[in-house]
Amino acid sequence: MLKTKENNLKIPGLDGFRFIAFVFVLLCHTLPKGNSTDSETLKIFLDSFQLNGIIGMKFFFFLSAFLLTFLSLKRGLSNFNTTNFFRKRALRILPLYLFILVIGFIILPLFAHFLQQEVHIPSIIDFLTLTQNFYFDLDAYHVSIVFFLLLTWSIAVEVQFYILLGLALNFLKKYVLLVGIAFALIGLAYNAYNQWMNEGHYFHTLTYFTDFGAGIIFAYFWNKREEVLENRKMKFSYPILFFGFIILALCWNTLFQNSSILFLNNLLFPIVFCFLLFHQMNTAITYFKPAQYKWVEKLGEISYGLYLYHGLVITLFMSLAKKTDIMQLSGYGMYFFPLIVLFLSILLARVSYAWLELPFLRRK
């Protein structure tokens, strides 16, 4: 069985999954949309990534809920300290988050002035209170100059979840499973209602409650029944599940975009996430495991920085594109853009992790 590294809050393989989740988000933000000149297969592929970037975010939320809940259960909820829990979460999230705000609200306006571009900066109060996700709408995505600030909606969702989870683990110690079920049911009900009303609330915290709930539930059962993770009968199903997840991720929205059951992806994907994590932690399986690839684990370690900095890189490219022909790529050239963004994001995230984040993480 996998051993938890209590000193740095890591479980082998989870960082690799974080990087995989980031790749979904990256491709959604950088691949071009399909057009009439593309083959039908290529158009479906490109359009699917435009629709499925949300899968990466859902996976992030699921992994976060699982890790925090499992480690708290493993140590014993009788020893759970709410203040210490919130302190550790703040040390992980706030340094880089506040640095991004400094770039967005101080450096960005100066940069925009130098380029003689108009800049739309939202209220900083919403960002400082980590409630900005409630005020974003889909139209805001088209304000390209603050694209990287818009990506902070997910940080707000995470922090709001941290608060709820910390309080639940402190006051509802005996009802962790019920807490997870409640999260999942609230998320399902909220998304079903939104589909019924023909409304979309992509940035709303309740939209992702099912993912958080699934993470809590899986952590509860793993902590209670770790012996099932050694089941060797499951080892042959992993490749099917792994590739099935990839196919499902690529095709779900394309196949069911106009379906009345689309809201069920809020149940389907958390179930798939649970199976993926189950097989990752099954020591009888020796293939298709992120933990086996050190470079994937290393990139997953800086996934928080990759997520925030890739938005900054894209914003800078889009800003420069208004003054130059830097983005005028044609043919296969446009498919190098994700690689360029990834490379620059890795450089920024690695430096940031070493000099900005790590000093605070050592205080956890």
Foldseek 3Di string as FASTA:
>chain_A
DWDADVQQLDTQQLLLLLLVLLVLLLLLVQPDADDPVDDPVVNLQSVLSVVQNVLSLLLVLLSVLQSVLLSCVVVPLVPQDLVVLLLLVCLQQPQVLVVLVCCQPPVLVVVCVVLVHDADDDDCVCSVVLNCLVVDDPVVCPRLLCQLVVLCLSVSLVVVVSVVVSVCSNPVVVCLLVQLVVLLVQLLVVLLVCVVVVHDSSSDNSVSSNSSSLSSNLSVVCNVCVVVLQDLVCQVCQVVLVVVVVVCSSCVCVVDVPPSCSSCVSVVSSVSSSVNVSPLSHPSHDPPGSSVPVVSSVCSVLSVQLSSVLSVVSSVQVSVVVVDVSCVDDDCRSVCRSVVSNVVSSVRSVVCCVPGSVVSSSVD
